[in-house]
N, C-alpha and C. Protein backbone atom coordinates (compact mmCIF):
# COMPACT_ATOMS: atom_id res chain seq x y z
N UNK A 1 31.54 -5.76 -68.29
CA UNK A 1 31.14 -4.43 -67.90
C UNK A 1 30.76 -3.64 -69.15
N UNK A 2 29.61 -2.96 -69.11
CA UNK A 2 29.11 -2.20 -70.25
C UNK A 2 29.91 -0.92 -70.44
N UNK A 3 30.14 -0.57 -71.71
CA UNK A 3 30.82 0.69 -72.01
C UNK A 3 29.87 1.84 -71.84
N UNK A 4 30.39 2.98 -71.42
CA UNK A 4 29.55 4.16 -71.31
C UNK A 4 29.43 4.80 -72.70
N UNK A 5 28.33 5.45 -72.93
CA UNK A 5 28.10 6.10 -74.22
C UNK A 5 29.07 7.26 -74.39
N UNK A 6 29.66 7.34 -75.56
CA UNK A 6 30.61 8.42 -75.85
C UNK A 6 29.98 9.42 -76.81
N UNK A 7 28.67 9.59 -76.73
CA UNK A 7 27.99 10.55 -77.59
C UNK A 7 26.89 11.24 -76.81
N UNK A 8 26.45 12.36 -77.30
CA UNK A 8 25.38 13.13 -76.67
C UNK A 8 24.05 12.54 -77.14
N UNK A 9 23.45 11.76 -76.26
CA UNK A 9 22.22 11.04 -76.62
C UNK A 9 21.10 12.01 -76.99
N UNK A 10 20.95 13.08 -76.23
CA UNK A 10 19.88 14.04 -76.52
C UNK A 10 20.08 14.71 -77.88
N UNK A 11 21.32 15.05 -78.21
CA UNK A 11 21.60 15.65 -79.52
C UNK A 11 21.30 14.66 -80.63
N UNK A 12 21.65 13.40 -80.43
CA UNK A 12 21.38 12.37 -81.44
C UNK A 12 19.87 12.23 -81.64
N UNK A 13 19.11 12.24 -80.56
CA UNK A 13 17.65 12.13 -80.64
C UNK A 13 17.07 13.34 -81.38
N UNK A 14 17.55 14.54 -81.04
CA UNK A 14 17.05 15.75 -81.69
C UNK A 14 17.37 15.73 -83.18
N UNK A 15 18.56 15.29 -83.53
CA UNK A 15 18.93 15.22 -84.96
C UNK A 15 18.10 14.18 -85.69
N UNK A 16 17.86 13.05 -85.06
CA UNK A 16 17.00 12.02 -85.66
C UNK A 16 15.57 12.54 -85.78
N UNK A 17 15.12 13.28 -84.76
CA UNK A 17 13.77 13.86 -84.78
C UNK A 17 13.59 14.73 -86.02
N UNK A 18 14.58 15.52 -86.35
CA UNK A 18 14.49 16.38 -87.54
C UNK A 18 14.31 15.56 -88.81
N UNK A 19 15.01 14.44 -88.89
CA UNK A 19 14.88 13.59 -90.09
C UNK A 19 13.50 12.95 -90.13
N UNK A 20 13.06 12.38 -89.01
CA UNK A 20 11.73 11.77 -88.97
C UNK A 20 10.65 12.81 -89.27
N UNK A 21 10.83 14.02 -88.75
CA UNK A 21 9.85 15.09 -88.93
C UNK A 21 9.77 15.48 -90.40
N UNK A 22 10.90 15.56 -91.07
CA UNK A 22 10.87 16.00 -92.45
C UNK A 22 10.50 14.89 -93.43
N UNK A 23 10.80 13.63 -93.09
CA UNK A 23 10.58 12.53 -94.04
C UNK A 23 9.50 11.54 -93.61
N UNK A 24 9.21 11.48 -92.32
CA UNK A 24 8.30 10.45 -91.82
C UNK A 24 9.08 9.20 -91.44
N UNK A 25 8.47 8.36 -90.63
CA UNK A 25 9.14 7.15 -90.14
C UNK A 25 9.50 6.21 -91.29
N UNK A 26 8.52 5.90 -92.12
CA UNK A 26 8.73 4.89 -93.16
C UNK A 26 9.78 5.32 -94.19
N UNK A 27 9.80 6.59 -94.55
CA UNK A 27 10.71 7.07 -95.59
C UNK A 27 12.12 7.35 -95.07
N UNK A 28 12.30 7.33 -93.77
CA UNK A 28 13.62 7.58 -93.19
C UNK A 28 14.43 6.29 -93.19
N UNK A 29 15.63 6.37 -93.75
CA UNK A 29 16.49 5.19 -93.81
C UNK A 29 17.51 5.20 -92.68
N UNK A 30 18.03 4.05 -92.37
CA UNK A 30 19.08 3.94 -91.36
C UNK A 30 20.31 4.76 -91.78
N UNK A 31 20.75 4.71 -93.04
CA UNK A 31 21.89 5.57 -93.41
C UNK A 31 21.62 7.06 -93.17
N UNK A 32 20.39 7.52 -93.39
CA UNK A 32 20.06 8.92 -93.10
C UNK A 32 20.16 9.20 -91.61
N UNK A 33 19.72 8.25 -90.80
CA UNK A 33 19.82 8.42 -89.35
C UNK A 33 21.27 8.38 -88.90
N UNK A 34 22.07 7.51 -89.52
CA UNK A 34 23.50 7.48 -89.20
C UNK A 34 24.13 8.84 -89.51
N UNK A 35 23.82 9.37 -90.67
CA UNK A 35 24.36 10.66 -91.09
C UNK A 35 23.91 11.78 -90.15
N UNK A 36 22.64 11.80 -89.80
CA UNK A 36 22.09 12.88 -88.96
C UNK A 36 22.61 12.82 -87.54
N UNK A 37 22.75 11.61 -87.00
CA UNK A 37 23.14 11.46 -85.60
C UNK A 37 24.64 11.35 -85.40
N UNK A 38 25.36 10.98 -86.46
CA UNK A 38 26.79 10.73 -86.32
C UNK A 38 27.08 9.37 -85.71
N UNK A 39 26.04 8.56 -85.56
CA UNK A 39 26.19 7.23 -84.97
C UNK A 39 26.26 6.17 -86.06
N UNK A 40 26.93 5.09 -85.76
CA UNK A 40 26.92 3.94 -86.67
C UNK A 40 25.62 3.17 -86.48
N UNK A 41 25.33 2.34 -87.43
CA UNK A 41 24.14 1.48 -87.34
C UNK A 41 24.14 0.69 -86.02
N UNK A 42 25.29 0.12 -85.68
CA UNK A 42 25.35 -0.69 -84.45
C UNK A 42 25.13 0.17 -83.22
N UNK A 43 25.64 1.41 -83.23
CA UNK A 43 25.41 2.30 -82.09
C UNK A 43 23.94 2.68 -81.97
N UNK A 44 23.28 2.89 -83.10
CA UNK A 44 21.84 3.19 -83.06
C UNK A 44 21.10 2.02 -82.45
N UNK A 45 21.40 0.81 -82.92
CA UNK A 45 20.70 -0.37 -82.40
C UNK A 45 21.08 -0.67 -80.96
N UNK A 46 22.34 -0.47 -80.59
CA UNK A 46 22.75 -0.70 -79.19
C UNK A 46 22.12 0.31 -78.25
N UNK A 47 21.98 1.55 -78.70
CA UNK A 47 21.46 2.61 -77.83
C UNK A 47 19.93 2.68 -77.79
N UNK A 48 19.29 2.37 -78.93
CA UNK A 48 17.84 2.56 -79.01
C UNK A 48 17.07 1.29 -79.33
N UNK A 49 17.78 0.21 -79.60
CA UNK A 49 17.15 -1.07 -79.87
C UNK A 49 16.77 -1.29 -81.32
N UNK A 50 16.36 -0.21 -81.99
CA UNK A 50 15.88 -0.32 -83.37
C UNK A 50 15.61 1.08 -83.90
N UNK A 51 15.32 1.15 -85.18
CA UNK A 51 14.89 2.41 -85.78
C UNK A 51 13.63 2.89 -85.05
N UNK A 52 12.74 1.98 -84.76
CA UNK A 52 11.50 2.34 -84.05
C UNK A 52 11.80 2.87 -82.66
N UNK A 53 12.79 2.30 -81.98
CA UNK A 53 13.18 2.80 -80.65
C UNK A 53 13.68 4.23 -80.73
N UNK A 54 14.44 4.53 -81.77
CA UNK A 54 14.93 5.89 -81.97
C UNK A 54 13.75 6.81 -82.31
N UNK A 55 12.82 6.33 -83.10
CA UNK A 55 11.62 7.12 -83.42
C UNK A 55 10.83 7.41 -82.15
N UNK A 56 10.64 6.42 -81.30
CA UNK A 56 9.92 6.63 -80.04
C UNK A 56 10.61 7.70 -79.19
N UNK A 57 11.95 7.65 -79.13
CA UNK A 57 12.70 8.66 -78.39
C UNK A 57 12.51 10.04 -79.03
N UNK A 58 12.46 10.09 -80.36
CA UNK A 58 12.26 11.35 -81.08
C UNK A 58 10.87 11.91 -80.80
N UNK A 59 9.86 11.05 -80.73
CA UNK A 59 8.50 11.50 -80.43
C UNK A 59 8.43 12.05 -79.01
N UNK A 60 9.05 11.34 -78.05
CA UNK A 60 9.10 11.85 -76.67
C UNK A 60 9.77 13.22 -76.63
N UNK A 61 10.87 13.35 -77.36
CA UNK A 61 11.58 14.62 -77.43
C UNK A 61 10.70 15.70 -78.02
N UNK A 62 9.98 15.37 -79.08
CA UNK A 62 9.07 16.32 -79.72
C UNK A 62 8.01 16.81 -78.73
N UNK A 63 7.41 15.89 -78.02
CA UNK A 63 6.38 16.26 -77.06
C UNK A 63 6.95 17.10 -75.92
N UNK A 64 8.07 16.67 -75.36
CA UNK A 64 8.62 17.32 -74.17
C UNK A 64 9.38 18.61 -74.44
N UNK A 65 9.93 18.74 -75.62
CA UNK A 65 10.74 19.93 -75.92
C UNK A 65 10.02 20.93 -76.81
N UNK A 66 9.04 20.50 -77.57
CA UNK A 66 8.39 21.40 -78.52
C UNK A 66 6.92 21.63 -78.17
N UNK A 67 6.16 20.56 -78.01
CA UNK A 67 4.71 20.69 -77.82
C UNK A 67 4.36 21.16 -76.41
N UNK A 68 4.80 20.44 -75.41
CA UNK A 68 4.36 20.75 -74.03
C UNK A 68 4.80 22.11 -73.51
N UNK A 69 6.00 22.58 -73.84
CA UNK A 69 6.33 23.95 -73.41
C UNK A 69 5.37 24.99 -73.98
N UNK A 70 4.91 24.78 -75.21
CA UNK A 70 3.94 25.72 -75.81
C UNK A 70 2.57 25.60 -75.14
N UNK A 71 2.21 24.39 -74.73
CA UNK A 71 0.89 24.17 -74.13
C UNK A 71 0.84 24.51 -72.64
N UNK A 72 1.99 24.54 -71.98
CA UNK A 72 2.04 24.72 -70.53
C UNK A 72 1.18 25.87 -70.02
N UNK A 73 1.24 27.07 -70.60
CA UNK A 73 0.40 28.16 -70.07
C UNK A 73 -1.10 27.86 -70.18
N UNK A 74 -1.48 27.03 -71.14
CA UNK A 74 -2.90 26.70 -71.31
C UNK A 74 -3.36 25.61 -70.34
N UNK A 75 -2.42 24.97 -69.68
CA UNK A 75 -2.76 23.87 -68.77
C UNK A 75 -2.53 24.22 -67.30
N UNK A 76 -2.04 25.43 -67.03
CA UNK A 76 -1.81 25.81 -65.64
C UNK A 76 -3.10 26.30 -65.00
N UNK A 77 -3.08 26.43 -63.68
CA UNK A 77 -4.23 26.96 -62.94
C UNK A 77 -3.82 28.23 -62.22
N UNK A 78 -4.48 29.30 -62.44
CA UNK A 78 -5.48 29.52 -63.47
C UNK A 78 -4.80 29.77 -64.82
N UNK A 79 -5.57 29.60 -65.88
CA UNK A 79 -5.07 29.88 -67.22
C UNK A 79 -5.16 31.38 -67.45
N UNK A 80 -4.06 32.03 -67.79
CA UNK A 80 -4.15 33.46 -68.08
C UNK A 80 -5.07 33.72 -69.27
N UNK A 81 -5.81 34.80 -69.22
CA UNK A 81 -6.79 35.06 -70.28
C UNK A 81 -6.13 35.25 -71.65
N UNK A 82 -4.87 35.66 -71.68
CA UNK A 82 -4.19 35.87 -72.95
C UNK A 82 -3.46 34.62 -73.45
N UNK A 83 -3.53 33.51 -72.72
CA UNK A 83 -2.73 32.32 -73.05
C UNK A 83 -3.04 31.75 -74.43
N UNK A 84 -4.31 31.69 -74.80
CA UNK A 84 -4.66 31.13 -76.10
C UNK A 84 -4.14 32.03 -77.23
N UNK A 85 -4.31 33.32 -77.08
CA UNK A 85 -3.79 34.25 -78.07
C UNK A 85 -2.27 34.17 -78.17
N UNK A 86 -1.59 34.05 -77.03
CA UNK A 86 -0.13 33.91 -77.04
C UNK A 86 0.29 32.64 -77.77
N UNK A 87 -0.43 31.55 -77.49
CA UNK A 87 -0.13 30.27 -78.14
C UNK A 87 -0.29 30.38 -79.66
N UNK A 88 -1.40 30.95 -80.09
CA UNK A 88 -1.66 31.08 -81.53
C UNK A 88 -0.68 32.03 -82.21
N UNK A 89 -0.33 33.13 -81.54
CA UNK A 89 0.68 34.03 -82.10
C UNK A 89 2.04 33.34 -82.20
N UNK A 90 2.37 32.53 -81.20
CA UNK A 90 3.63 31.78 -81.24
C UNK A 90 3.66 30.82 -82.41
N UNK A 91 2.56 30.11 -82.63
CA UNK A 91 2.49 29.21 -83.78
C UNK A 91 2.61 29.98 -85.09
N UNK A 92 1.90 31.10 -85.17
CA UNK A 92 1.94 31.91 -86.39
C UNK A 92 3.37 32.37 -86.69
N UNK A 93 4.12 32.73 -85.64
CA UNK A 93 5.48 33.19 -85.90
C UNK A 93 6.38 32.05 -86.37
N UNK A 94 6.15 30.85 -85.87
CA UNK A 94 6.92 29.69 -86.32
C UNK A 94 6.57 29.37 -87.77
N UNK A 95 5.28 29.37 -88.08
CA UNK A 95 4.85 29.03 -89.43
C UNK A 95 5.20 30.12 -90.44
N UNK A 96 5.52 31.31 -89.96
CA UNK A 96 5.92 32.39 -90.85
C UNK A 96 7.36 32.23 -91.34
N UNK A 97 8.09 31.29 -90.74
CA UNK A 97 9.48 31.04 -91.14
C UNK A 97 9.49 29.82 -92.06
N UNK A 98 9.53 30.03 -93.37
CA UNK A 98 9.43 28.90 -94.30
C UNK A 98 10.50 27.84 -94.12
N UNK A 99 11.65 28.22 -93.54
CA UNK A 99 12.74 27.26 -93.36
C UNK A 99 12.55 26.38 -92.12
N UNK A 100 11.58 26.69 -91.29
CA UNK A 100 11.39 25.91 -90.07
C UNK A 100 10.72 24.57 -90.38
N UNK A 101 11.01 23.56 -89.55
CA UNK A 101 10.38 22.26 -89.75
C UNK A 101 8.86 22.34 -89.67
N UNK A 102 8.29 23.07 -88.70
CA UNK A 102 6.82 23.14 -88.68
C UNK A 102 6.23 23.75 -89.94
N UNK A 103 6.86 24.82 -90.42
CA UNK A 103 6.32 25.47 -91.63
C UNK A 103 6.45 24.56 -92.84
N UNK A 104 7.55 23.85 -92.92
CA UNK A 104 7.80 23.00 -94.08
C UNK A 104 7.09 21.66 -94.00
N UNK A 105 6.88 21.15 -92.78
CA UNK A 105 6.38 19.78 -92.64
C UNK A 105 5.22 19.60 -91.67
N UNK A 106 4.76 20.66 -91.03
CA UNK A 106 3.62 20.54 -90.12
C UNK A 106 3.97 19.88 -88.80
N UNK A 107 3.02 19.24 -88.21
CA UNK A 107 3.17 18.60 -86.90
C UNK A 107 3.64 17.15 -87.07
N UNK A 108 4.70 16.80 -86.37
CA UNK A 108 5.23 15.45 -86.45
C UNK A 108 4.16 14.41 -86.13
N UNK A 109 3.37 14.63 -85.09
CA UNK A 109 2.39 13.62 -84.69
C UNK A 109 1.17 13.58 -85.61
N UNK A 110 0.73 14.71 -86.09
CA UNK A 110 -0.38 14.70 -87.04
C UNK A 110 0.05 14.01 -88.33
N UNK A 111 1.27 14.28 -88.78
CA UNK A 111 1.79 13.59 -89.96
C UNK A 111 1.87 12.09 -89.71
N UNK A 112 2.32 11.71 -88.54
CA UNK A 112 2.44 10.30 -88.19
C UNK A 112 1.07 9.63 -88.16
N UNK A 113 0.04 10.39 -87.78
CA UNK A 113 -1.32 9.84 -87.70
C UNK A 113 -1.82 9.34 -89.05
N UNK A 114 -1.28 9.90 -90.13
CA UNK A 114 -1.74 9.47 -91.45
C UNK A 114 -0.76 8.50 -92.12
N UNK A 115 0.23 8.05 -91.38
CA UNK A 115 1.24 7.13 -91.91
C UNK A 115 0.93 5.70 -91.47
N UNK A 116 1.48 4.73 -92.16
CA UNK A 116 1.23 3.32 -91.78
C UNK A 116 1.60 2.98 -90.33
N UNK A 117 2.62 3.62 -89.79
CA UNK A 117 3.02 3.31 -88.42
C UNK A 117 1.92 3.63 -87.40
N UNK A 118 0.97 4.50 -87.77
CA UNK A 118 -0.13 4.86 -86.87
C UNK A 118 -1.03 3.67 -86.56
N UNK A 119 -0.95 2.61 -87.36
CA UNK A 119 -1.76 1.42 -87.09
C UNK A 119 -1.23 0.64 -85.89
N UNK A 120 0.02 0.91 -85.49
CA UNK A 120 0.57 0.23 -84.33
C UNK A 120 -0.08 0.79 -83.07
N UNK A 121 -0.50 -0.08 -82.17
CA UNK A 121 -1.25 0.33 -80.98
C UNK A 121 -0.54 1.39 -80.15
N UNK A 122 0.76 1.23 -79.92
CA UNK A 122 1.48 2.20 -79.09
C UNK A 122 1.49 3.58 -79.74
N UNK A 123 1.71 3.63 -81.03
CA UNK A 123 1.72 4.91 -81.74
C UNK A 123 0.32 5.51 -81.76
N UNK A 124 -0.68 4.69 -82.01
CA UNK A 124 -2.07 5.18 -82.00
C UNK A 124 -2.42 5.77 -80.64
N UNK A 125 -1.96 5.14 -79.56
CA UNK A 125 -2.24 5.65 -78.21
C UNK A 125 -1.53 6.98 -77.97
N UNK A 126 -0.31 7.13 -78.44
CA UNK A 126 0.43 8.39 -78.29
C UNK A 126 -0.28 9.50 -79.05
N UNK A 127 -0.72 9.22 -80.26
CA UNK A 127 -1.42 10.21 -81.08
C UNK A 127 -2.74 10.60 -80.42
N UNK A 128 -3.46 9.63 -79.91
CA UNK A 128 -4.73 9.90 -79.24
C UNK A 128 -4.51 10.76 -77.99
N UNK A 129 -3.51 10.43 -77.19
CA UNK A 129 -3.21 11.21 -75.98
C UNK A 129 -2.81 12.63 -76.35
N UNK A 130 -2.05 12.78 -77.44
CA UNK A 130 -1.64 14.11 -77.91
C UNK A 130 -2.88 14.93 -78.29
N UNK A 131 -3.79 14.32 -79.03
CA UNK A 131 -5.01 15.03 -79.43
C UNK A 131 -5.83 15.44 -78.22
N UNK A 132 -5.92 14.55 -77.22
CA UNK A 132 -6.65 14.88 -76.00
C UNK A 132 -5.99 16.03 -75.24
N UNK A 133 -4.66 15.99 -75.16
CA UNK A 133 -3.92 17.06 -74.49
C UNK A 133 -4.12 18.39 -75.20
N UNK A 134 -4.07 18.36 -76.51
CA UNK A 134 -4.27 19.57 -77.31
C UNK A 134 -5.71 20.09 -77.16
N UNK A 135 -6.67 19.18 -77.19
CA UNK A 135 -8.08 19.56 -77.02
C UNK A 135 -8.31 20.19 -75.65
N UNK A 136 -7.76 19.59 -74.62
CA UNK A 136 -7.92 20.14 -73.26
C UNK A 136 -7.29 21.53 -73.17
N UNK A 137 -6.09 21.67 -73.71
CA UNK A 137 -5.40 22.97 -73.66
C UNK A 137 -6.19 24.04 -74.39
N UNK A 138 -6.68 23.72 -75.59
CA UNK A 138 -7.45 24.70 -76.36
C UNK A 138 -8.74 25.07 -75.63
N UNK A 139 -9.41 24.07 -75.07
CA UNK A 139 -10.65 24.33 -74.33
C UNK A 139 -10.41 25.21 -73.12
N UNK A 140 -9.34 24.93 -72.39
CA UNK A 140 -9.01 25.73 -71.21
C UNK A 140 -8.65 27.16 -71.62
N UNK A 141 -7.90 27.28 -72.71
CA UNK A 141 -7.52 28.61 -73.17
C UNK A 141 -8.72 29.42 -73.62
N UNK A 142 -9.63 28.77 -74.33
CA UNK A 142 -10.84 29.44 -74.79
C UNK A 142 -11.71 29.84 -73.60
N UNK A 143 -11.83 28.96 -72.62
CA UNK A 143 -12.63 29.27 -71.43
C UNK A 143 -12.02 30.44 -70.65
N UNK A 144 -10.69 30.50 -70.57
CA UNK A 144 -10.04 31.61 -69.86
C UNK A 144 -10.28 32.93 -70.59
N UNK A 145 -10.32 32.86 -71.91
CA UNK A 145 -10.54 34.06 -72.72
C UNK A 145 -12.01 34.47 -72.70
N UNK A 146 -12.89 33.48 -72.81
CA UNK A 146 -14.33 33.72 -72.89
C UNK A 146 -15.07 32.77 -71.95
N UNK A 147 -15.09 33.08 -70.64
CA UNK A 147 -15.76 32.18 -69.69
C UNK A 147 -17.26 32.03 -69.96
N UNK A 148 -17.83 32.95 -70.73
CA UNK A 148 -19.25 32.90 -71.02
C UNK A 148 -19.59 31.82 -72.05
N UNK A 149 -18.59 31.32 -72.76
CA UNK A 149 -18.81 30.26 -73.75
C UNK A 149 -18.66 28.91 -73.09
N UNK A 150 -19.48 27.96 -73.47
CA UNK A 150 -19.29 26.60 -72.95
C UNK A 150 -18.52 25.82 -74.01
N UNK A 151 -17.48 25.14 -73.54
CA UNK A 151 -16.63 24.35 -74.45
C UNK A 151 -16.67 22.90 -74.11
């Protein structure tokens, strides 16, 4: 019979996400992930399969907890005319905080796009889908603001 997890999986993923975000996949070591998550190496491997499995969970967390909530108003029907301005003001306020991960390290997925791991098909597909989602959201927001422009 399998043991139940005695740790907060979401908190571990969020803590690992911060390390991957600040250092990148390749530069992040297992000991750093152990320290950030409070998990042992064996618990990381038992729970996520590998460092890459934990990274995949961190990317999902990044998209679902950080990116998509910000994009949601730009993807709803109808898009409010102020949605693009709200989105950009929200980003500006985050980037105005030098201690924040976005201000210090930019976008986790854009950074990943320039890293060696981006050559892996699954990661390349995630990055491509992210860019398409972002492009659609920006286009919809611009159209809601200025329907006279073709995007």
